[in-house]
Amino acid sequence: MQTSEQELSTVQSIPNEAADRILSDIKALAPTIAARASEAEAARRIPADIFQMLKSAGIFRMAAPKSHGGLELDLPAVGRVIQALAKIDGSIGWMGMVAGATATLLPLLQRETYEDVYRNGPDGFLAGGGQPVGTAVAEAGGFRVNGRWPFASGCEDADWIAGTCVLTEDGKPVPGPAEGMPAIRGVCLPAGQWQIEDTWQAPGLRATGSHHVVLKDVFVPAENAVDMVSARPCLPGPLYTAPMQIVPLLHGPVALGLAQGALDDIIATAQSGRKQQRAAVSMRDSEIFHYELGRAQAEFRAAQAMYEVQTFSHWRHALARTLDGDALFAEATQSMVWVTEACLRVVQTCFTLAGGAAVSDSLPLQRRLRDMQTAAQHAAVHQRHYAQAGKLLLS
């Protein structure tokens, strides 16, 4: 990956009036969202009226295609929106990330099913489980599916739900195109056909309602199933031609928003004149505090720069129809793993600097730390993915 000031300034200057309108609406919603964060955490889902506000602001249509009433923002603009949401609240930012990711993946469906998904407009919400923990058995006209998928964020508010299955025959996995890997099918059905198990008891991202979703002996028509290897998007457009390459990049803005919010929190605390117990001077007059704050901000800026350069690089490939191959996938994943790690360190530093006051529910820092730690555990940004990048370097 080549990092240059020219690339960074270019990605920051991509004009997008639709994105600017959304960002303006997000700014207006920020006080309401922040004030009700504890309510959302207690309910373990986004309050219905706030969910509707997000819908009205265009969050759920930002990556939907213009041909179906969506805004079809460019990739850097989608990232800016997600980061702005996560800066206010981690769970809200996560829901924005899910909306962006699913909109890029949906065109892998057959066109008939895709049209069904958007039949009621571009603001529908898709939840799902990406782990291949279901099974699909081929039958005439479709598949018999059983499974229980974790981490289906927003499933209680979803219009459609998807899950990933291992294709089986006679109780055994059907071999896939890659040696040692089974054949995989994605299935997508209206939300009413799924069961939701109330299982989301997590330390962070509590308001995402990421419960288990279940299908028990459900017939899925062939047009509602996707071969995850051979499927080709049913729509043109750079957002949709290589979704597996793009989706990892959408995790970065969640981490960046949380880190940015944590920095704002600790700066506000210091500027209030707070003096911690047994400290000789106030936080804002402490040289040790200055050092730690400056170091944390430097790490945040580095993470922001890496994200923006990587995103613009991928977007250029997408526009040129060259966004494919293991190397670019590994590059995106490697970058977002590092960005997430860096942001986690920033949030941890801010939390530590705040002292005992940071543990209070009245301050957002403790929630940002819990949200950041939970987001960093997601499979898409797990540190084990560094191995793939290292292997490709040696080859």
Foldseek 3Di string as FASTA:
>chain_A
DDFDPVLLVVLVPDDDPLLVQLLVLLVVCLVVCLVCVVVLLVVLADPPVVLVSNLVSQLLQACADVVLVGNNDFLSSLLVNLLSLLLSPLLRSVQSLQSLLVNQVLLLFDPVVSCVQSVVHRSAGEWEAEDAAKEWEDDVQFTFIWGKGWQRFPLVRGQKYKYKHFYDDPRHGDCDPDPPDGFMKMFMDTSVQKDWDQDDDALASRSRSGTMITHDRDTGGHSRMGRVPPGAGPDDDLSHGCSLLSSLLSLLSSLLSLLVSLLVQLVVVQVVQDQDPPHPGGLVPDPVNVVLSVVLVVLSVVLVSLSSSLSSVQSVCSVVVNNDDPQSSLSSLVSSLSSLVSSLVSLVSSLVSVPPVSVDPVGCSSRSNRSSVVSNPDPSNDPVSVVSNVVVVVD
